[in-house]
Amino acid sequence: MKKVFIVLFSFFILLLISASVQRSVLAEDSDDDSLTPTVSKMRFDRLKENREDRIEKRHERREEFKDKVEARREAIKDKMEDRREALKEKLEEFRDKKKAKITERISDNLNKINEKRVEAMTRHLDRIEEILGKVEDRTAEAREDGKDVSEIEVKIAEAKSVIEGARGAVSTQAGKDYTLVVSDEGTVAQEAKEMRDKLHEDLKAVHELIVVARKAVSDTIRTAYSSLGKENVDNE
C-alpha cells in the first residue's frame, strides 16, 4: 500500500512539473509573438523616417537651386536692360524701320528662348532626380534586410554627382544675356545670326550634360534591377 502511495505521489509531482513547464513555454512563445510586431514596427518607422529625411533633403536642394537660378537672373537684369536700351537707340538710326522692329523682336526672343529652355531643363533634372530618389529608397530598404547593395550605392553616388554638375551648368546658363549688340544696319543680319548660333551652341552644351545625367540614372536603375530584381525596385 505504501509503495502504491509513493508511486501515485510521484506521478502527481510529475504532472505538476509538466504543467509548469508547458505554461513557461507558452509564456515564452507569447513573448516572442508580441515582440515580432514591435520589431517590425520599429523597422517600418525607421525606414519611413529615413525616407522622409531623404525626400526633405531633395526638396531643399531643389529650392536652393531655384534660388540660385533666380539670383543669377537678377544679377544680370540691369545689364540686360542697359544693353536693350543701347540696342533701341541704335535701331532708331536704321532707315529700314521694319528691319529695326524685326531686329528688336529677335533680340527679345533669344533671351525668352533661353529662359524657357532653362526652366525646361530644370524640370527635367527634377524628374530624373526624383526617379533616382526612389531607387535610393529601395536600396536603403534592401540594405536594412541585409542585402549587399554596395554596387548600387556607388552608381547612386555617381548619378548624384553628374546631376549636380548638370544643375551647375543650367544655373550658369540662366545668367547669360543674348541681347543683340549691333554695329550698324548693314551688319545686323550677320550679328543676329552669330548671337543666335551662340545661344544654340550654349544650350546644346548644357543639354548634353543632362543627357549624361539621364544615362547615369538609367545605369543605376539597371544595376538595381540586376541586384534586387525589377519587381522590388519598381514596387511602390
C-alpha atoms as a PDB file:
ATOM      1  CA  MET A   1       0.000   0.000   0.000  1.00  0.00           C
ATOM      2  CA  LYS A   2       2.839   2.311   0.904  1.00  0.00           C
ATOM      3  CA  LYS A   3       4.530   1.630  -2.445  1.00  0.00           C
ATOM      4  CA  VAL A   4       1.309   2.439  -4.301  1.00  0.00           C
ATOM      5  CA  PHE A   5       1.041   5.729  -2.437  1.00  0.00           C
ATOM      6  CA  ILE A   6       4.624   6.632  -3.310  1.00  0.00           C
ATOM      7  CA  VAL A   7       4.046   5.846  -6.991  1.00  0.00           C
ATOM      8  CA  LEU A   8       0.859   7.925  -7.094  1.00  0.00           C
ATOM      9  CA  PHE A   9       2.535  10.805  -5.282  1.00  0.00           C
ATOM     10  CA  SER A  10       5.495  10.732  -7.699  1.00  0.00           C
ATOM     11  CA  PHE A  11       3.116  10.686 -10.683  1.00  0.00           C
ATOM     12  CA  PHE A  12       1.260  13.694  -9.254  1.00  0.00           C
ATOM     13  CA  ILE A  13       4.524  15.615  -8.853  1.00  0.00           C
ATOM     14  CA  LEU A  14       5.469  14.830 -12.444  1.00  0.00           C
ATOM     15  CA  LEU A  15       2.125  16.183 -13.655  1.00  0.00           C
ATOM     16  CA  LEU A  16       2.679  19.417 -11.751  1.00  0.00           C
ATOM     17  CA  ILE A  17       6.172  19.819 -13.192  1.00  0.00           C
ATOM     18  CA  SER A  18       4.928  19.089 -16.719  1.00  0.00           C
ATOM     19  CA  ALA A  19       2.131  21.636 -16.404  1.00  0.00           C
ATOM     20  CA  SER A  20       4.573  24.226 -15.106  1.00  0.00           C
ATOM     21  CA  VAL A  21       6.952  23.629 -17.998  1.00  0.00           C
ATOM     22  CA  GLN A  22       4.111  23.915 -20.546  1.00  0.00           C
ATOM     23  CA  ARG A  23       2.980  27.211 -19.033  1.00  0.00           C
ATOM     24  CA  SER A  24       6.562  28.513 -19.188  1.00  0.00           C
ATOM     25  CA  VAL A  25       6.922  27.510 -22.855  1.00  0.00           C
ATOM     26  CA  LEU A  26       3.583  29.084 -23.751  1.00  0.00           C
ATOM     27  CA  ALA A  27       4.592  32.272 -21.957  1.00  0.00           C
ATOM     28  CA  GLU A  28       7.882  32.415 -23.906  1.00  0.00           C
ATOM     29  CA  ASP A  29       6.041  31.834 -27.200  1.00  0.00           C
ATOM     30  CA  SER A  30       3.639  34.578 -26.271  1.00  0.00           C
ATOM     31  CA  ASP A  31       6.525  36.941 -25.556  1.00  0.00           C
ATOM     32  CA  ASP A  32       8.116  36.105 -28.931  1.00  0.00           C
ATOM     33  CA  ASP A  33       4.826  36.712 -30.735  1.00  0.00           C
ATOM     34  CA  SER A  34       4.386  40.075 -29.053  1.00  0.00           C
ATOM     35  CA  LEU A  35       7.990  41.022 -29.781  1.00  0.00           C
ATOM     36  CA  THR A  36       7.808  40.309 -33.537  1.00  0.00           C
ATOM     37  CA  PRO A  37       5.230  43.033 -34.366  1.00  0.00           C
ATOM     38  CA  THR A  38       7.176  45.512 -32.212  1.00  0.00           C
ATOM     39  CA  VAL A  39      10.443  44.870 -34.061  1.00  0.00           C
ATOM     40  CA  SER A  40       8.627  45.044 -37.400  1.00  0.00           C
ATOM     41  CA  LYS A  41       7.020  48.357 -36.480  1.00  0.00           C
ATOM     42  CA  MET A  42      10.346  49.781 -35.319  1.00  0.00           C
ATOM     43  CA  ARG A  43      11.902  48.807 -38.657  1.00  0.00           C
ATOM     44  CA  PHE A  44       8.987  50.338 -40.564  1.00  0.00           C
ATOM     45  CA  ASP A  45       9.191  53.577 -38.575  1.00  0.00           C
ATOM     46  CA  ARG A  46      12.965  53.788 -39.088  1.00  0.00           C
ATOM     47  CA  LEU A  47      12.682  53.250 -42.843  1.00  0.00           C
ATOM     48  CA  LYS A  48       9.867  55.785 -43.057  1.00  0.00           C
ATOM     49  CA  GLU A  49      11.830  58.386 -41.112  1.00  0.00           C
ATOM     50  CA  ASN A  50      14.937  57.891 -43.270  1.00  0.00           C
ATOM     51  CA  ARG A  51      12.891  58.057 -46.470  1.00  0.00           C
ATOM     52  CA  GLU A  52      11.177  61.273 -45.366  1.00  0.00           C
ATOM     53  CA  ASP A  53      14.566  62.729 -44.475  1.00  0.00           C
ATOM     54  CA  ARG A  54      15.897  61.966 -47.973  1.00  0.00           C
ATOM     55  CA  ILE A  55      12.784  63.465 -49.576  1.00  0.00           C
ATOM     56  CA  GLU A  56      13.162  66.618 -47.499  1.00  0.00           C
ATOM     57  CA  LYS A  57      16.817  66.968 -48.472  1.00  0.00           C
ATOM     58  CA  ARG A  58      15.948  66.570 -52.164  1.00  0.00           C
ATOM     59  CA  HIS A  59      13.299  69.260 -51.804  1.00  0.00           C
ATOM     60  CA  GLU A  60      15.786  71.573 -50.085  1.00  0.00           C
ATOM     61  CA  ARG A  61      18.327  71.059 -52.883  1.00  0.00           C
ATOM     62  CA  ARG A  62      15.715  71.921 -55.493  1.00  0.00           C
ATOM     63  CA  GLU A  63      14.689  75.086 -53.668  1.00  0.00           C
ATOM     64  CA  GLU A  64      18.318  76.118 -53.256  1.00  0.00           C
ATOM     65  CA  PHE A  65      18.872  75.556 -56.963  1.00  0.00           C
ATOM     66  CA  LYS A  66      15.818  77.639 -57.909  1.00  0.00           C
ATOM     67  CA  ASP A  67      17.061  80.431 -55.659  1.00  0.00           C
ATOM     68  CA  LYS A  68      20.484  80.242 -57.323  1.00  0.00           C
ATOM     69  CA  VAL A  69      18.951  80.482 -60.804  1.00  0.00           C
ATOM     70  CA  GLU A  70      16.813  83.423 -59.760  1.00  0.00           C
ATOM     71  CA  ALA A  71      19.837  85.142 -58.213  1.00  0.00           C
ATOM     72  CA  ARG A  72      21.782  84.779 -61.472  1.00  0.00           C
ATOM     73  CA  ARG A  73      18.905  86.283 -63.423  1.00  0.00           C
ATOM     74  CA  GLU A  74      18.670  89.198 -61.034  1.00  0.00           C
ATOM     75  CA  ALA A  75      22.422  89.736 -61.243  1.00  0.00           C
ATOM     76  CA  ILE A  76      22.274  90.419 -64.999  1.00  0.00           C
ATOM     77  CA  LYS A  77      18.897  92.168 -65.016  1.00  0.00           C
ATOM     78  CA  ASP A  78      20.333  95.697 -65.003  1.00  0.00           C
ATOM     79  CA  LYS A  79      22.992  94.786 -67.562  1.00  0.00           C
ATOM     80  CA  MET A  80      20.355  93.314 -69.879  1.00  0.00           C
ATOM     81  CA  GLU A  81      18.228  96.424 -69.568  1.00  0.00           C
ATOM     82  CA  ASP A  82      21.208  98.662 -70.369  1.00  0.00           C
ATOM     83  CA  ARG A  83      22.037  96.595 -73.449  1.00  0.00           C
ATOM     84  CA  ARG A  84      18.398  96.627 -74.518  1.00  0.00           C
ATOM     85  CA  GLU A  85      18.269 100.417 -74.270  1.00  0.00           C
ATOM     86  CA  ALA A  86      21.509 100.676 -76.214  1.00  0.00           C
ATOM     87  CA  LEU A  87      20.028  98.443 -78.910  1.00  0.00           C
ATOM     88  CA  LYS A  88      16.909 100.609 -79.145  1.00  0.00           C
ATOM     89  CA  GLU A  89      18.995 103.730 -79.603  1.00  0.00           C
ATOM     90  CA  LYS A  90      20.984 102.045 -82.346  1.00  0.00           C
ATOM     91  CA  LEU A  91      17.848 100.791 -84.082  1.00  0.00           C
ATOM     92  CA  GLU A  92      16.413 104.310 -84.182  1.00  0.00           C
ATOM     93  CA  GLU A  93      19.214 105.151 -86.609  1.00  0.00           C
ATOM     94  CA  PHE A  94      18.035 102.482 -89.060  1.00  0.00           C
ATOM     95  CA  ARG A  95      16.449 103.774 -92.251  1.00  0.00           C
ATOM     96  CA  ASP A  96      14.581 100.500 -92.646  1.00  0.00           C
ATOM     97  CA  LYS A  97      12.160 100.674 -89.715  1.00  0.00           C
ATOM     98  CA  LYS A  98      10.744  97.232 -90.465  1.00  0.00           C
ATOM     99  CA  LYS A  99      14.217  95.749 -90.168  1.00  0.00           C
ATOM    100  CA  ALA A 100      14.652  97.624 -86.892  1.00  0.00           C
ATOM    101  CA  LYS A 101      11.476  96.110 -85.429  1.00  0.00           C
ATOM    102  CA  ILE A 102      12.435  92.604 -86.576  1.00  0.00           C
ATOM    103  CA  THR A 103      15.883  93.008 -85.022  1.00  0.00           C
ATOM    104  CA  GLU A 104      14.433  94.107 -81.670  1.00  0.00           C
ATOM    105  CA  ARG A 105      11.995  91.187 -81.714  1.00  0.00           C
ATOM    106  CA  ILE A 106      14.785  88.717 -82.479  1.00  0.00           C
ATOM    107  CA  SER A 107      16.847  90.088 -79.605  1.00  0.00           C
ATOM    108  CA  ASP A 108      13.959  89.758 -77.140  1.00  0.00           C
ATOM    109  CA  ASN A 109      13.113  86.270 -78.391  1.00  0.00           C
ATOM    110  CA  LEU A 110      16.657  84.998 -77.891  1.00  0.00           C
ATOM    111  CA  ASN A 111      16.503  85.799 -74.173  1.00  0.00           C
ATOM    112  CA  LYS A 112      12.984  84.377 -73.887  1.00  0.00           C
ATOM    113  CA  ILE A 113      14.107  81.146 -75.536  1.00  0.00           C
ATOM    114  CA  ASN A 114      16.992  80.878 -73.110  1.00  0.00           C
ATOM    115  CA  GLU A 115      14.706  81.450 -70.130  1.00  0.00           C
ATOM    116  CA  LYS A 116      12.189  78.825 -71.269  1.00  0.00           C
ATOM    117  CA  ARG A 117      14.895  76.276 -72.020  1.00  0.00           C
ATOM    118  CA  VAL A 118      16.448  76.810 -68.587  1.00  0.00           C
ATOM    119  CA  GLU A 119      13.053  76.180 -66.989  1.00  0.00           C
ATOM    120  CA  ALA A 120      12.511  73.059 -69.111  1.00  0.00           C
ATOM    121  CA  MET A 121      15.955  71.659 -68.296  1.00  0.00           C
ATOM    122  CA  THR A 122      15.367  72.346 -64.609  1.00  0.00           C
ATOM    123  CA  ARG A 123      12.108  70.381 -64.690  1.00  0.00           C
ATOM    124  CA  HIS A 124      13.855  67.523 -66.476  1.00  0.00           C
ATOM    125  CA  LEU A 125      16.591  67.370 -63.856  1.00  0.00           C
ATOM    126  CA  ASP A 126      13.955  67.409 -61.121  1.00  0.00           C
ATOM    127  CA  ARG A 127      12.225  64.417 -62.708  1.00  0.00           C
ATOM    128  CA  ILE A 128      15.329  62.272 -63.110  1.00  0.00           C
ATOM    129  CA  GLU A 129      16.445  63.163 -59.582  1.00  0.00           C
ATOM    130  CA  GLU A 130      13.040  62.035 -58.307  1.00  0.00           C
ATOM    131  CA  ILE A 131      13.456  58.713 -60.116  1.00  0.00           C
ATOM    132  CA  LEU A 132      16.932  58.309 -58.643  1.00  0.00           C
ATOM    133  CA  GLY A 133      15.480  59.081 -55.222  1.00  0.00           C
ATOM    134  CA  LYS A 134      13.039  56.184 -55.478  1.00  0.00           C
ATOM    135  CA  VAL A 135      15.872  53.822 -56.393  1.00  0.00           C
ATOM    136  CA  GLU A 136      17.767  55.144 -53.384  1.00  0.00           C
ATOM    137  CA  ASP A 137      14.773  54.404 -51.151  1.00  0.00           C
ATOM    138  CA  ARG A 138      14.524  50.805 -52.399  1.00  0.00           C
ATOM    139  CA  THR A 139      18.269  50.393 -51.940  1.00  0.00           C
ATOM    140  CA  ALA A 140      18.095  51.602 -48.345  1.00  0.00           C
ATOM    141  CA  GLU A 141      15.295  49.138 -47.600  1.00  0.00           C
ATOM    142  CA  ALA A 142      17.298  46.294 -49.145  1.00  0.00           C
ATOM    143  CA  ARG A 143      20.310  47.248 -47.046  1.00  0.00           C
ATOM    144  CA  GLU A 144      18.108  47.026 -43.930  1.00  0.00           C
ATOM    145  CA  ASP A 145      17.212  43.492 -44.986  1.00  0.00           C
ATOM    146  CA  GLY A 146      20.886  42.580 -45.021  1.00  0.00           C
ATOM    147  CA  LYS A 147      21.399  42.586 -48.800  1.00  0.00           C
ATOM    148  CA  ASP A 148      24.629  43.688 -50.446  1.00  0.00           C
ATOM    149  CA  VAL A 149      23.795  46.955 -52.184  1.00  0.00           C
ATOM    150  CA  SER A 150      27.307  48.411 -52.393  1.00  0.00           C
ATOM    151  CA  GLU A 151      27.364  48.356 -56.208  1.00  0.00           C
ATOM    152  CA  ILE A 152      24.048  50.220 -56.406  1.00  0.00           C
ATOM    153  CA  GLU A 153      25.197  52.796 -53.862  1.00  0.00           C
ATOM    154  CA  VAL A 154      28.287  53.535 -55.969  1.00  0.00           C
ATOM    155  CA  LYS A 155      26.046  54.116 -59.008  1.00  0.00           C
ATOM    156  CA  ILE A 156      23.719  56.336 -56.976  1.00  0.00           C
ATOM    157  CA  ALA A 157      26.641  58.481 -55.798  1.00  0.00           C
ATOM    158  CA  GLU A 158      27.937  58.797 -59.368  1.00  0.00           C
ATOM    159  CA  ALA A 159      24.499  59.779 -60.696  1.00  0.00           C
ATOM    160  CA  LYS A 160      24.070  62.394 -57.963  1.00  0.00           C
ATOM    161  CA  SER A 161      27.420  63.923 -58.862  1.00  0.00           C
ATOM    162  CA  VAL A 162      26.528  64.098 -62.568  1.00  0.00           C
ATOM    163  CA  ILE A 163      23.129  65.644 -61.796  1.00  0.00           C
ATOM    164  CA  GLU A 164      24.788  68.243 -59.591  1.00  0.00           C
ATOM    165  CA  GLY A 165      27.183  69.102 -62.423  1.00  0.00           C
ATOM    166  CA  ALA A 166      24.289  69.480 -64.862  1.00  0.00           C
ATOM    167  CA  ARG A 167      22.461  71.741 -62.407  1.00  0.00           C
ATOM    168  CA  GLY A 168      25.553  73.927 -62.181  1.00  0.00           C
ATOM    169  CA  ALA A 169      25.611  74.278 -65.962  1.00  0.00           C
ATOM    170  CA  VAL A 170      21.906  75.153 -66.067  1.00  0.00           C
ATOM    171  CA  SER A 171      22.437  77.764 -63.357  1.00  0.00           C
ATOM    172  CA  THR A 172      25.285  79.320 -65.347  1.00  0.00           C
ATOM    173  CA  GLN A 173      23.141  79.317 -68.482  1.00  0.00           C
ATOM    174  CA  ALA A 174      20.411  81.197 -66.623  1.00  0.00           C
ATOM    175  CA  GLY A 175      22.848  84.055 -66.077  1.00  0.00           C
ATOM    176  CA  LYS A 176      23.675  84.611 -69.757  1.00  0.00           C
ATOM    177  CA  ASP A 177      22.457  87.558 -71.824  1.00  0.00           C
ATOM    178  CA  TYR A 178      21.747  87.232 -75.550  1.00  0.00           C
ATOM    179  CA  THR A 179      20.659  90.799 -76.242  1.00  0.00           C
ATOM    180  CA  LEU A 180      21.972  91.820 -79.654  1.00  0.00           C
ATOM    181  CA  VAL A 181      24.865  94.228 -79.946  1.00  0.00           C
ATOM    182  CA  VAL A 182      24.511  95.947 -83.315  1.00  0.00           C
ATOM    183  CA  SER A 183      27.267  97.800 -85.100  1.00  0.00           C
ATOM    184  CA  ASP A 184      25.245  99.219 -87.983  1.00  0.00           C
ATOM    185  CA  GLU A 185      22.332  98.466 -90.246  1.00  0.00           C
ATOM    186  CA  GLY A 186      24.473  96.732 -92.826  1.00  0.00           C
ATOM    187  CA  THR A 187      25.877  94.120 -90.446  1.00  0.00           C
ATOM    188  CA  VAL A 188      22.794  93.484 -88.277  1.00  0.00           C
ATOM    189  CA  ALA A 189      21.771  90.276 -90.070  1.00  0.00           C
ATOM    190  CA  GLN A 190      25.185  88.670 -89.546  1.00  0.00           C
ATOM    191  CA  GLU A 191      25.362  89.857 -85.925  1.00  0.00           C
ATOM    192  CA  ALA A 192      21.904  88.443 -85.198  1.00  0.00           C
ATOM    193  CA  LYS A 193      22.915  85.120 -86.749  1.00  0.00           C
ATOM    194  CA  GLU A 194      26.082  84.956 -84.647  1.00  0.00           C
ATOM    195  CA  MET A 195      24.152  85.606 -81.437  1.00  0.00           C
ATOM    196  CA  ARG A 196      21.517  83.030 -82.395  1.00  0.00           C
ATOM    197  CA  ASP A 197      24.242  80.469 -83.119  1.00  0.00           C
ATOM    198  CA  LYS A 198      25.898  81.239 -79.775  1.00  0.00           C
ATOM    199  CA  LEU A 199      22.618  80.605 -77.938  1.00  0.00           C
ATOM    200  CA  HIS A 200      22.159  77.337 -79.820  1.00  0.00           C
ATOM    201  CA  GLU A 201      25.686  76.155 -79.000  1.00  0.00           C
ATOM    202  CA  ASP A 202      25.364  77.087 -75.326  1.00  0.00           C
ATOM    203  CA  LEU A 203      22.028  75.309 -74.946  1.00  0.00           C
ATOM    204  CA  LYS A 204      23.334  72.264 -76.777  1.00  0.00           C
ATOM    205  CA  ALA A 205      26.310  72.020 -74.408  1.00  0.00           C
ATOM    206  CA  VAL A 206      24.041  72.108 -71.339  1.00  0.00           C
ATOM    207  CA  HIS A 207      21.620  69.642 -72.910  1.00  0.00           C
ATOM    208  CA  GLU A 208      24.456  67.176 -73.456  1.00  0.00           C
ATOM    209  CA  LEU A 209      25.207  67.266 -69.716  1.00  0.00           C
ATOM    210  CA  ILE A 210      21.574  66.493 -68.971  1.00  0.00           C
ATOM    211  CA  VAL A 211      21.718  63.537 -71.369  1.00  0.00           C
ATOM    212  CA  VAL A 212      24.747  62.263 -69.433  1.00  0.00           C
ATOM    213  CA  ALA A 213      22.821  62.685 -66.160  1.00  0.00           C
ATOM    214  CA  ARG A 214      19.860  60.784 -67.568  1.00  0.00           C
ATOM    215  CA  LYS A 215      22.155  57.964 -68.689  1.00  0.00           C
ATOM    216  CA  ALA A 216      23.762  57.818 -65.232  1.00  0.00           C
ATOM    217  CA  VAL A 217      20.329  57.356 -63.661  1.00  0.00           C
ATOM    218  CA  SER A 218      19.410  54.714 -66.242  1.00  0.00           C
ATOM    219  CA  ASP A 219      22.629  52.826 -65.454  1.00  0.00           C
ATOM    220  CA  THR A 220      21.757  52.999 -61.751  1.00  0.00           C
ATOM    221  CA  ILE A 221      18.312  51.559 -62.409  1.00  0.00           C
ATOM    222  CA  ARG A 222      19.764  48.700 -64.452  1.00  0.00           C
ATOM    223  CA  THR A 223      22.214  47.899 -61.657  1.00  0.00           C
ATOM    224  CA  ALA A 224      19.374  47.935 -59.122  1.00  0.00           C
ATOM    225  CA  TYR A 225      17.256  45.666 -61.329  1.00  0.00           C
ATOM    226  CA  SER A 226      20.166  43.241 -61.587  1.00  0.00           C
ATOM    227  CA  SER A 227      20.867  43.210 -57.844  1.00  0.00           C
ATOM    228  CA  LEU A 228      17.388  43.477 -56.324  1.00  0.00           C
ATOM    229  CA  GLY A 229      15.010  42.419 -59.090  1.00  0.00           C
ATOM    230  CA  LYS A 230      12.847  44.697 -61.209  1.00  0.00           C
ATOM    231  CA  GLU A 231       9.700  43.990 -59.186  1.00  0.00           C
ATOM    232  CA  ASN A 232      11.402  45.089 -55.953  1.00  0.00           C
ATOM    233  CA  VAL A 233      12.764  48.307 -57.445  1.00  0.00           C
ATOM    234  CA  ASP A 234       9.538  49.324 -59.202  1.00  0.00           C
ATOM    235  CA  ASN A 235       7.285  48.318 -56.316  1.00  0.00           C
ATOM    236  CA  GLU A 236       5.649  51.309 -54.654  1.00  0.00           C
END
